[in-house]
N, C-alpha and C. Protein backbone atom coordinates (compact mmCIF):
# COMPACT_ATOMS: atom_id res chain seq x y z
N MET A 1 1.07 -91.63 3.30
CA MET A 1 1.70 -90.19 3.92
C MET A 1 0.57 -89.36 4.18
N GLN A 2 0.90 -88.74 5.58
CA GLN A 2 -0.11 -87.89 6.14
C GLN A 2 0.29 -86.67 5.48
N LYS A 3 -0.87 -85.45 5.37
CA LYS A 3 -0.55 -84.34 4.77
C LYS A 3 -0.26 -83.43 6.24
N LYS A 4 0.60 -82.44 5.97
CA LYS A 4 0.88 -81.59 7.24
C LYS A 4 -0.19 -80.28 7.22
N PRO A 5 -0.91 -80.07 8.35
CA PRO A 5 -1.62 -78.87 7.74
C PRO A 5 -0.85 -77.52 7.76
N ILE A 6 -1.41 -76.68 6.71
CA ILE A 6 -0.84 -75.14 6.62
C ILE A 6 -0.98 -74.22 7.30
N LYS A 7 -0.10 -73.85 7.89
CA LYS A 7 -0.39 -72.90 8.95
C LYS A 7 -0.61 -71.18 8.31
N THR A 8 -1.61 -70.71 8.39
CA THR A 8 -1.91 -69.52 7.71
C THR A 8 -1.51 -68.35 8.93
N GLN A 9 -0.85 -67.30 8.53
CA GLN A 9 -0.27 -66.26 9.29
C GLN A 9 -1.42 -65.13 9.76
N THR A 10 -1.67 -64.92 11.10
CA THR A 10 -2.89 -64.14 11.24
C THR A 10 -2.66 -62.55 11.60
N GLY A 11 -1.30 -62.38 12.31
CA GLY A 11 -0.82 -61.33 12.60
C GLY A 11 -0.19 -60.68 11.38
N THR A 12 0.80 -59.13 11.78
CA THR A 12 1.54 -58.41 11.48
C THR A 12 2.59 -58.46 11.64
N SER A 13 3.95 -58.32 11.00
CA SER A 13 5.06 -58.20 11.45
C SER A 13 5.52 -56.93 11.66
N LEU A 14 6.67 -56.88 12.44
CA LEU A 14 7.05 -55.70 13.14
C LEU A 14 7.35 -54.79 11.77
N ILE A 15 7.93 -55.22 10.72
CA ILE A 15 8.68 -54.49 9.56
C ILE A 15 7.39 -54.01 8.73
N GLU A 16 6.13 -54.76 8.66
CA GLU A 16 5.09 -53.93 8.00
C GLU A 16 4.35 -53.07 8.81
N ILE A 17 4.51 -53.01 10.13
CA ILE A 17 3.95 -51.81 11.01
C ILE A 17 4.75 -50.54 10.73
N MET A 18 6.14 -50.75 11.05
CA MET A 18 7.28 -50.00 10.89
C MET A 18 6.88 -49.14 9.35
N LEU A 19 6.87 -49.71 8.09
CA LEU A 19 6.58 -49.40 7.20
C LEU A 19 5.24 -48.51 6.95
N THR A 20 4.24 -49.33 7.39
CA THR A 20 2.99 -48.48 7.39
C THR A 20 3.17 -47.14 8.19
N ILE A 21 3.62 -46.94 9.28
CA ILE A 21 3.98 -45.83 9.95
C ILE A 21 4.81 -44.77 9.40
N SER A 22 5.77 -45.09 8.64
CA SER A 22 6.70 -44.50 7.87
C SER A 22 6.17 -43.79 6.68
N ILE A 23 5.13 -44.24 6.04
CA ILE A 23 4.14 -44.14 5.01
C ILE A 23 3.39 -42.83 5.57
N PHE A 24 2.69 -42.98 6.55
CA PHE A 24 1.86 -41.90 7.22
C PHE A 24 2.32 -40.72 7.60
N ILE A 25 3.49 -40.97 8.15
CA ILE A 25 4.49 -39.85 8.58
C ILE A 25 4.73 -39.01 7.42
N ILE A 26 5.31 -39.99 6.38
CA ILE A 26 5.71 -38.89 4.96
C ILE A 26 4.29 -38.20 4.66
N LEU A 27 3.42 -39.00 4.35
CA LEU A 27 2.19 -38.29 3.94
C LEU A 27 1.79 -36.98 4.90
N GLY A 28 1.80 -37.23 6.03
CA GLY A 28 1.18 -36.03 7.08
C GLY A 28 2.36 -35.01 7.06
N ALA A 29 3.51 -35.21 6.80
CA ALA A 29 4.56 -33.95 6.51
C ALA A 29 4.21 -33.23 5.08
N LEU A 30 3.93 -34.01 4.09
CA LEU A 30 3.77 -33.47 2.89
C LEU A 30 2.58 -32.63 3.30
N THR A 31 1.36 -33.15 3.74
CA THR A 31 0.28 -32.44 3.80
C THR A 31 0.27 -31.16 5.09
N LEU A 32 0.91 -31.60 5.85
CA LEU A 32 1.31 -30.08 6.50
C LEU A 32 1.88 -29.08 6.31
N ASN A 33 2.85 -29.55 5.41
CA ASN A 33 3.80 -28.38 4.66
C ASN A 33 2.69 -27.60 3.14
N ILE A 34 2.06 -28.41 2.86
CA ILE A 34 0.92 -27.94 1.73
C ILE A 34 -0.07 -26.96 2.52
N PHE A 35 -0.45 -27.37 3.87
CA PHE A 35 -1.37 -26.65 4.50
C PHE A 35 -0.81 -25.21 4.75
N LYS A 36 0.35 -25.43 5.28
CA LYS A 36 1.29 -23.98 6.09
C LYS A 36 1.29 -23.06 4.91
N SER A 37 1.82 -23.60 3.62
CA SER A 37 2.06 -22.83 2.43
C SER A 37 0.74 -22.07 2.08
N THR A 38 -0.44 -22.93 2.05
CA THR A 38 -1.62 -22.43 1.77
C THR A 38 -1.95 -21.12 2.56
N VAL A 39 -1.76 -21.42 3.80
CA VAL A 39 -2.09 -20.42 4.73
C VAL A 39 -1.35 -19.16 4.70
N GLU A 40 -0.06 -19.28 4.61
CA GLU A 40 0.98 -18.30 4.43
C GLU A 40 0.37 -17.26 2.91
N ALA A 41 -0.12 -18.00 2.09
CA ALA A 41 -0.52 -17.42 0.72
C ALA A 41 -1.62 -16.74 0.73
N GLN A 42 -2.57 -17.03 1.66
CA GLN A 42 -3.90 -16.41 2.05
C GLN A 42 -3.69 -15.38 2.98
N LYS A 43 -2.78 -15.48 3.87
CA LYS A 43 -2.55 -14.23 4.60
C LYS A 43 -1.91 -13.14 3.86
N SER A 44 -0.94 -13.43 2.95
CA SER A 44 -0.34 -12.50 2.10
C SER A 44 -1.45 -11.69 1.18
N ALA A 45 -2.15 -12.81 0.65
CA ALA A 45 -3.25 -12.23 -0.17
C ALA A 45 -4.31 -11.12 0.49
N ILE A 46 -4.86 -11.22 1.74
CA ILE A 46 -5.56 -10.72 2.77
C ILE A 46 -4.76 -9.56 2.95
N ALA A 47 -3.64 -9.33 3.29
CA ALA A 47 -2.91 -8.25 3.47
C ALA A 47 -2.62 -7.48 2.36
N GLY A 48 -2.41 -7.98 1.41
CA GLY A 48 -2.46 -7.14 0.04
C GLY A 48 -3.78 -6.63 -0.51
N GLN A 49 -5.02 -7.09 -0.13
CA GLN A 49 -6.49 -6.74 -0.40
C GLN A 49 -6.47 -5.67 0.59
N ASN A 50 -5.99 -5.54 1.66
CA ASN A 50 -6.57 -4.60 2.92
C ASN A 50 -5.48 -3.44 2.47
N THR A 51 -4.41 -3.61 2.19
CA THR A 51 -3.26 -2.56 1.66
C THR A 51 -3.90 -1.69 0.46
N GLN A 52 -4.41 -2.49 -0.41
CA GLN A 52 -5.09 -1.76 -1.59
C GLN A 52 -6.34 -1.09 -1.02
N GLU A 53 -7.22 -1.58 -0.30
CA GLU A 53 -8.40 -0.86 -0.03
C GLU A 53 -7.87 0.47 1.08
N ASN A 54 -6.97 0.18 1.72
CA ASN A 54 -6.64 1.26 2.50
C ASN A 54 -5.94 2.50 1.51
N LEU A 55 -5.26 2.04 0.64
CA LEU A 55 -4.86 3.05 -0.31
C LEU A 55 -5.67 3.87 -1.27
N ARG A 56 -6.69 3.17 -1.56
CA ARG A 56 -7.84 3.57 -2.28
C ARG A 56 -8.88 4.50 -1.29
N TYR A 57 -8.82 4.45 -0.28
CA TYR A 57 -9.51 5.20 0.75
C TYR A 57 -8.50 6.73 0.89
N LEU A 58 -7.27 6.28 0.97
CA LEU A 58 -6.28 7.53 1.18
C LEU A 58 -6.31 8.23 0.08
N PHE A 59 -6.19 7.65 -1.35
CA PHE A 59 -6.35 8.37 -2.45
C PHE A 59 -7.68 9.44 -2.63
N GLU A 60 -8.68 8.88 -1.92
CA GLU A 60 -9.99 9.36 -2.29
C GLU A 60 -10.13 10.62 -1.25
N ILE A 61 -9.43 10.52 0.00
CA ILE A 61 -9.40 11.72 1.18
C ILE A 61 -8.42 12.93 0.13
N MET A 62 -7.30 12.31 -0.17
CA MET A 62 -6.29 13.51 -0.74
C MET A 62 -7.05 13.91 -2.01
N SER A 63 -7.46 13.21 -3.00
CA SER A 63 -8.12 13.75 -4.18
C SER A 63 -9.28 14.66 -3.94
N LYS A 64 -9.93 14.34 -3.15
CA LYS A 64 -11.31 15.13 -2.92
C LYS A 64 -10.64 16.86 -2.25
N GLU A 65 -9.54 16.79 -1.42
CA GLU A 65 -9.16 17.97 -0.79
C GLU A 65 -8.20 18.80 -1.96
N ILE A 66 -7.42 17.91 -2.61
CA ILE A 66 -6.50 18.32 -3.80
C ILE A 66 -7.27 19.02 -4.96
N ARG A 67 -8.42 18.35 -5.28
CA ARG A 67 -9.05 18.78 -6.39
C ARG A 67 -9.74 20.28 -6.31
N SER A 68 -10.00 20.16 -4.64
CA SER A 68 -10.76 21.62 -4.67
C SER A 68 -9.67 22.84 -4.16
N ALA A 69 -8.33 22.67 -4.29
CA ALA A 69 -7.63 23.67 -3.99
C ALA A 69 -7.64 24.79 -4.57
N ILE A 70 -7.23 26.10 -4.26
CA ILE A 70 -7.30 27.53 -4.67
C ILE A 70 -5.89 27.93 -4.90
N ILE A 71 -6.09 29.30 -5.36
CA ILE A 71 -4.34 29.59 -5.47
C ILE A 71 -3.95 30.31 -4.30
N MET A 72 -3.07 30.03 -4.05
CA MET A 72 -2.08 30.12 -2.76
C MET A 72 -1.70 31.82 -2.53
N ASN A 73 -1.38 32.28 -3.81
CA ASN A 73 -0.63 33.66 -3.65
C ASN A 73 0.20 33.87 -2.45
N LYS A 74 1.15 33.08 -2.59
CA LYS A 74 2.31 33.29 -1.90
C LYS A 74 2.01 32.92 -0.08
N ASP A 75 0.82 32.51 -0.09
CA ASP A 75 0.36 32.38 1.43
C ASP A 75 0.88 31.53 1.94
N CYS A 76 1.36 30.30 1.73
CA CYS A 76 1.64 28.94 2.04
C CYS A 76 3.28 28.53 1.62
N ASN A 77 3.91 28.36 2.50
CA ASN A 77 5.31 28.03 2.87
C ASN A 77 6.01 27.67 1.13
N GLY A 78 6.27 29.02 0.91
CA GLY A 78 7.22 29.14 -0.33
C GLY A 78 6.60 29.14 -1.60
N ALA A 79 5.35 29.18 -1.94
CA ALA A 79 4.79 29.45 -2.96
C ALA A 79 4.71 30.49 -3.86
N SER A 80 4.86 30.43 -5.20
CA SER A 80 4.81 31.67 -5.81
C SER A 80 3.24 32.47 -6.29
N ASP A 81 3.46 33.29 -6.53
CA ASP A 81 2.36 34.05 -6.79
C ASP A 81 1.20 33.10 -8.00
N LYS A 82 -0.02 33.15 -7.80
CA LYS A 82 -0.70 32.35 -8.73
C LYS A 82 -0.76 30.90 -8.79
N GLU A 83 0.12 30.27 -7.75
CA GLU A 83 0.41 28.87 -8.01
C GLU A 83 -0.68 28.35 -7.00
N ILE A 84 -1.32 26.94 -7.32
CA ILE A 84 -2.31 26.26 -6.68
C ILE A 84 -1.58 25.07 -6.04
N TYR A 85 -0.53 24.40 -6.73
CA TYR A 85 0.32 23.14 -5.74
C TYR A 85 1.76 23.68 -5.82
N PHE A 86 2.26 23.07 -4.76
CA PHE A 86 3.96 23.50 -4.58
C PHE A 86 4.42 22.20 -4.07
N THR A 87 5.51 21.66 -4.65
CA THR A 87 6.23 20.40 -3.90
C THR A 87 7.57 20.64 -3.53
N THR A 88 8.02 20.15 -2.92
CA THR A 88 9.36 19.89 -2.64
C THR A 88 10.12 18.45 -2.06
N GLY A 89 11.42 18.21 -2.37
CA GLY A 89 11.55 16.89 -2.35
C GLY A 89 11.27 15.73 -3.15
N THR A 90 11.59 14.74 -3.33
CA THR A 90 10.96 13.58 -4.03
C THR A 90 11.02 12.27 -3.35
N GLY A 91 10.57 11.26 -3.64
CA GLY A 91 10.65 9.98 -3.03
C GLY A 91 10.30 9.90 -1.56
N VAL A 92 11.21 9.52 -0.68
CA VAL A 92 10.78 9.33 0.53
C VAL A 92 10.30 10.97 1.38
N ASN A 93 10.98 11.80 0.75
CA ASN A 93 10.89 13.34 1.17
C ASN A 93 9.87 13.99 0.64
N GLY A 94 9.06 13.55 -0.02
CA GLY A 94 8.13 14.22 -1.20
C GLY A 94 7.22 15.25 0.04
N HIS A 95 6.90 16.40 -0.52
CA HIS A 95 6.07 17.32 0.31
C HIS A 95 4.83 17.80 -0.65
N LEU A 96 3.86 17.98 -0.44
CA LEU A 96 2.89 18.74 -1.22
C LEU A 96 2.31 19.78 -0.28
N PHE A 97 2.34 20.93 -0.91
CA PHE A 97 1.59 22.06 -0.53
C PHE A 97 0.36 22.90 -1.08
N PHE A 98 -0.47 23.03 -0.69
CA PHE A 98 -1.35 23.89 -1.54
C PHE A 98 -2.63 24.53 -0.23
N LYS A 99 -3.64 25.21 -0.75
CA LYS A 99 -4.50 26.04 0.02
C LYS A 99 -5.95 25.57 -0.46
N ASN A 100 -6.39 24.97 0.63
CA ASN A 100 -7.61 24.05 0.55
C ASN A 100 -8.74 25.29 0.30
N LYS A 101 -10.05 24.66 0.08
CA LYS A 101 -11.13 25.59 -0.15
C LYS A 101 -11.70 26.46 0.99
N GLU A 102 -11.37 25.83 2.39
CA GLU A 102 -11.45 26.42 3.61
C GLU A 102 -10.33 27.86 3.71
N GLY A 103 -9.44 28.02 2.70
CA GLY A 103 -8.46 28.84 3.04
C GLY A 103 -7.25 28.53 3.95
N GLN A 104 -7.27 27.14 4.68
CA GLN A 104 -6.20 26.67 5.37
C GLN A 104 -5.01 26.02 4.14
N CYS A 105 -3.54 26.40 4.98
CA CYS A 105 -2.65 26.37 4.18
C CYS A 105 -2.16 24.46 4.68
N VAL A 106 -2.21 23.68 3.47
CA VAL A 106 -2.22 22.23 3.83
C VAL A 106 -0.63 21.41 3.24
N GLU A 107 -0.31 20.64 3.71
CA GLU A 107 0.72 19.87 3.64
C GLU A 107 0.67 18.30 3.87
N TYR A 108 0.93 17.78 2.73
CA TYR A 108 1.02 16.29 2.82
C TYR A 108 2.64 15.80 2.88
N TYR A 109 2.68 14.87 3.53
CA TYR A 109 4.29 14.66 3.84
C TYR A 109 4.26 13.01 4.44
N LEU A 110 5.84 12.28 4.45
CA LEU A 110 5.68 11.30 5.15
C LEU A 110 6.42 11.59 6.86
N ASN A 111 6.00 10.87 7.50
CA ASN A 111 6.65 11.01 9.07
C ASN A 111 6.95 9.49 9.68
N ASN A 112 7.99 8.92 9.93
CA ASN A 112 7.98 7.82 10.09
C ASN A 112 7.38 6.56 9.36
N ASN A 113 7.24 6.52 7.98
CA ASN A 113 6.50 5.72 6.89
C ASN A 113 5.26 5.95 7.06
N LYS A 114 4.62 7.18 7.47
CA LYS A 114 3.03 7.28 7.91
C LYS A 114 2.93 8.42 7.23
N LEU A 115 1.68 8.77 6.29
CA LEU A 115 1.42 9.72 5.74
C LEU A 115 0.57 10.84 6.66
N GLU A 116 1.08 11.98 6.97
CA GLU A 116 0.04 12.75 7.85
C GLU A 116 0.01 14.21 6.92
N ILE A 117 -1.11 14.61 7.34
CA ILE A 117 -1.78 15.88 6.74
C ILE A 117 -1.67 16.89 7.92
N LYS A 118 -0.97 18.38 7.34
CA LYS A 118 -0.95 19.20 8.23
C LYS A 118 -1.81 20.22 7.61
N ARG A 119 -2.82 20.82 8.30
CA ARG A 119 -3.66 21.87 7.90
C ARG A 119 -3.48 22.82 8.94
N ASP A 120 -2.76 24.15 8.37
CA ASP A 120 -2.13 25.20 9.31
C ASP A 120 -1.35 24.63 10.43
N ALA A 121 -2.03 24.34 11.68
CA ALA A 121 -0.94 23.84 12.64
C ALA A 121 -1.36 22.38 13.07
N ASP A 122 -2.64 21.92 12.77
CA ASP A 122 -3.03 20.78 13.34
C ASP A 122 -2.38 19.73 12.43
N VAL A 123 -2.09 18.57 12.80
CA VAL A 123 -1.14 17.37 12.24
C VAL A 123 -2.47 16.10 12.09
N LEU A 124 -2.72 15.53 11.28
CA LEU A 124 -3.27 14.57 11.35
C LEU A 124 -2.91 13.26 10.69
N PRO A 125 -2.54 12.36 11.56
CA PRO A 125 -2.14 10.79 10.93
C PRO A 125 -3.14 10.10 10.01
N VAL A 126 -2.80 9.60 8.79
CA VAL A 126 -3.88 9.44 7.88
C VAL A 126 -3.68 7.75 7.72
N THR A 127 -2.63 6.90 7.65
CA THR A 127 -2.26 5.73 7.26
C THR A 127 -2.67 4.86 8.59
N PRO A 128 -3.04 3.51 8.40
CA PRO A 128 -3.32 2.83 9.61
C PRO A 128 -2.03 2.12 9.77
N ASN A 129 -2.00 1.48 10.93
CA ASN A 129 -0.77 0.87 11.66
C ASN A 129 -0.30 -0.46 10.72
N ASP A 130 -1.09 -0.89 10.02
CA ASP A 130 -0.87 -2.12 9.19
C ASP A 130 0.04 -1.94 8.01
N ILE A 131 0.13 -0.78 7.32
CA ILE A 131 0.86 -0.47 6.29
C ILE A 131 1.96 0.53 6.48
N GLU A 132 3.06 0.56 5.80
CA GLU A 132 4.08 1.39 5.81
C GLU A 132 4.38 1.88 4.59
N ILE A 133 4.38 3.08 4.52
CA ILE A 133 4.58 3.58 3.00
C ILE A 133 6.23 3.76 2.95
N THR A 134 6.70 3.34 1.89
CA THR A 134 8.22 3.41 1.61
C THR A 134 8.63 4.30 0.75
N LYS A 135 7.72 4.81 -0.21
CA LYS A 135 8.16 5.85 -0.85
C LYS A 135 6.44 7.00 -1.13
N LEU A 136 6.79 7.92 -1.26
CA LEU A 136 5.54 8.91 -1.51
C LEU A 136 6.30 9.88 -2.51
N ASP A 137 5.75 10.12 -3.73
CA ASP A 137 6.00 11.21 -4.31
C ASP A 137 5.03 12.03 -5.16
N PHE A 138 5.22 13.23 -5.33
CA PHE A 138 4.11 14.09 -5.85
C PHE A 138 4.87 15.16 -7.14
N VAL A 139 4.24 14.72 -8.26
CA VAL A 139 4.71 15.51 -9.34
C VAL A 139 3.53 16.53 -9.72
N VAL A 140 3.74 17.61 -9.66
CA VAL A 140 3.03 19.00 -10.23
C VAL A 140 3.15 19.34 -11.59
N THR A 141 2.16 19.18 -12.51
CA THR A 141 2.07 19.92 -13.58
C THR A 141 1.41 21.00 -13.66
N ASP A 142 1.84 22.29 -13.88
CA ASP A 142 1.17 23.54 -14.14
C ASP A 142 2.25 24.53 -14.95
N ASN A 143 1.39 25.52 -15.80
CA ASN A 143 2.39 26.54 -16.47
C ASN A 143 1.97 27.76 -15.67
N VAL A 144 2.14 27.71 -14.26
CA VAL A 144 1.80 29.32 -13.64
C VAL A 144 2.75 30.15 -13.95
N ASN A 145 3.63 29.78 -14.49
CA ASN A 145 4.65 30.85 -14.90
C ASN A 145 4.91 31.25 -16.44
N ASN A 146 3.70 31.03 -16.88
CA ASN A 146 3.33 31.12 -18.25
C ASN A 146 3.14 32.75 -18.61
N PRO A 147 3.83 33.53 -19.35
CA PRO A 147 3.58 35.08 -19.64
C PRO A 147 2.22 35.13 -20.03
N SER A 148 1.75 34.59 -20.90
CA SER A 148 0.19 34.88 -21.54
C SER A 148 -0.50 34.40 -20.51
N PRO A 149 -1.75 35.17 -20.31
CA PRO A 149 -2.68 34.70 -19.03
C PRO A 149 -3.30 33.70 -19.05
N PRO A 150 -3.88 33.41 -20.47
CA PRO A 150 -4.73 31.96 -20.05
C PRO A 150 -3.64 30.85 -19.84
N ARG A 151 -3.57 29.84 -18.90
CA ARG A 151 -3.10 28.65 -18.95
C ARG A 151 -3.35 28.02 -20.05
N THR A 152 -2.36 27.28 -20.71
CA THR A 152 -2.56 26.11 -21.74
C THR A 152 -2.69 24.70 -20.80
N ILE A 153 -2.15 24.75 -19.66
CA ILE A 153 -2.01 23.23 -18.81
C ILE A 153 -2.96 23.46 -17.39
N GLN A 154 -3.93 22.50 -17.50
CA GLN A 154 -4.64 22.44 -16.21
C GLN A 154 -3.68 22.17 -15.12
N SER A 155 -3.68 22.59 -14.03
CA SER A 155 -2.98 22.00 -12.83
C SER A 155 -3.30 20.65 -12.51
N ARG A 156 -2.38 20.24 -12.16
CA ARG A 156 -2.44 18.59 -11.65
C ARG A 156 -1.47 18.12 -10.82
N VAL A 157 -1.89 17.12 -10.27
CA VAL A 157 -1.04 16.67 -9.03
C VAL A 157 -1.09 14.91 -9.56
N THR A 158 0.06 14.45 -9.64
CA THR A 158 0.27 12.90 -9.95
C THR A 158 0.71 12.46 -8.47
N ILE A 159 0.22 11.78 -7.73
CA ILE A 159 0.60 10.99 -6.31
C ILE A 159 0.86 9.51 -6.92
N LYS A 160 2.40 8.99 -6.34
CA LYS A 160 2.60 7.79 -6.65
C LYS A 160 3.11 7.30 -5.28
N ILE A 161 2.48 6.07 -4.89
CA ILE A 161 2.85 5.82 -3.30
C ILE A 161 3.25 4.26 -3.40
N GLU A 162 4.41 3.78 -2.51
CA GLU A 162 4.59 2.42 -2.79
C GLU A 162 4.51 2.12 -1.20
N THR A 163 4.05 0.98 -0.89
CA THR A 163 3.58 0.56 0.28
C THR A 163 3.78 -1.01 0.84
N GLU A 164 4.29 -1.40 1.82
CA GLU A 164 4.02 -2.77 2.38
C GLU A 164 3.34 -3.12 3.47
N ALA A 165 2.68 -4.30 3.50
CA ALA A 165 2.02 -4.40 4.67
C ALA A 165 3.01 -4.79 5.75
N VAL A 166 2.48 -4.57 6.87
CA VAL A 166 3.60 -4.69 8.09
C VAL A 166 3.54 -6.32 8.59
N ASN A 167 2.55 -6.59 8.64
CA ASN A 167 2.32 -8.24 9.18
C ASN A 167 1.80 -9.13 8.19
N ALA A 168 2.26 -9.03 6.86
CA ALA A 168 2.02 -9.90 5.68
C ALA A 168 2.52 -11.33 5.63
N GLY A 169 3.63 -11.49 6.42
CA GLY A 169 4.29 -12.72 6.33
C GLY A 169 5.62 -12.84 5.46
N SER A 170 5.95 -13.58 5.07
CA SER A 170 7.30 -13.71 4.37
C SER A 170 6.96 -13.66 2.73
N HIS A 171 5.96 -13.74 2.28
CA HIS A 171 5.72 -13.52 0.88
C HIS A 171 5.06 -12.29 0.58
N SER A 172 5.28 -11.07 1.50
CA SER A 172 4.50 -10.06 1.07
C SER A 172 5.08 -9.03 0.11
N GLN A 173 4.33 -8.68 -0.77
CA GLN A 173 4.83 -8.11 -2.28
C GLN A 173 4.40 -6.52 -1.90
N PRO A 174 5.44 -5.45 -2.27
CA PRO A 174 5.15 -4.33 -2.26
C PRO A 174 3.92 -3.77 -2.95
N THR A 175 3.17 -2.71 -2.62
CA THR A 175 2.01 -2.29 -3.42
C THR A 175 2.09 -1.13 -4.03
N VAL A 176 2.22 -0.61 -4.98
CA VAL A 176 2.55 0.70 -5.92
C VAL A 176 1.24 1.01 -6.38
N MET A 177 0.84 2.18 -6.20
CA MET A 177 -0.63 2.80 -6.82
C MET A 177 0.07 4.16 -7.07
N GLN A 178 -0.95 4.63 -8.31
CA GLN A 178 -0.75 6.04 -8.57
C GLN A 178 -1.83 6.42 -9.14
N THR A 179 -2.02 7.94 -9.06
CA THR A 179 -3.25 8.61 -9.48
C THR A 179 -2.80 10.21 -9.87
N THR A 180 -3.66 10.59 -10.65
CA THR A 180 -3.32 12.05 -10.92
C THR A 180 -4.65 12.73 -10.98
N VAL A 181 -4.69 13.81 -10.08
CA VAL A 181 -5.87 14.85 -9.68
C VAL A 181 -5.42 15.96 -10.41
N SER A 182 -6.49 16.41 -10.90
CA SER A 182 -6.47 17.98 -11.62
C SER A 182 -7.24 18.91 -10.69
N SER A 183 -7.20 19.87 -10.69
CA SER A 183 -7.50 20.93 -10.38
C SER A 183 -8.92 21.57 -10.96
N ARG A 184 -9.73 21.85 -9.91
CA ARG A 184 -11.30 22.37 -10.23
C ARG A 184 -11.02 23.70 -10.53
N HIS A 185 -9.99 24.53 -10.26
CA HIS A 185 -9.92 25.94 -10.27
C HIS A 185 -9.40 26.37 -11.70
N TYR A 186 -10.27 27.31 -11.99
CA TYR A 186 -10.37 27.70 -13.41
C TYR A 186 -10.11 29.15 -13.55
N GLU A 187 -9.30 29.70 -14.45
CA GLU A 187 -9.17 31.22 -14.27
C GLU A 187 -10.15 31.67 -15.41
């Protein structure tokens, strides 16, 4: 009896090719999804970092001027006698009034989700275009109406700002920062 030679298969079948292509498509889709999520998270983190840097700069500008405020003596927008700081409204409508060391009446307020500084008649927008302020609140602590001459509380302003990055993507988180600035004016 003669032995028949065994044929070895040298090619690949259509089913094997389709299975391999399917596995590569699934792996590619998973990799693309992970990459997309990583890019979104990085974009959100960079936007949050930029927002915090802008807020630190904003607080620095405001703190310097607020710290050196002088007594208004009814000179600025409804202030009472011997008052250093005066506020109206809360939340989005918060306004802070004071007189700076140059004798100018200063007002901090929101206009279209942007912080503006008004010195006498000049208006200066302060916030950059990539952030929006959703809430601005000023709390003044002062005992200006204390009948005894020496004040027992140093005048101070607490500033609370809530912001959102404009182009931060879908994972953007609001940023809330707060600081308290005391007056250097002593009686």
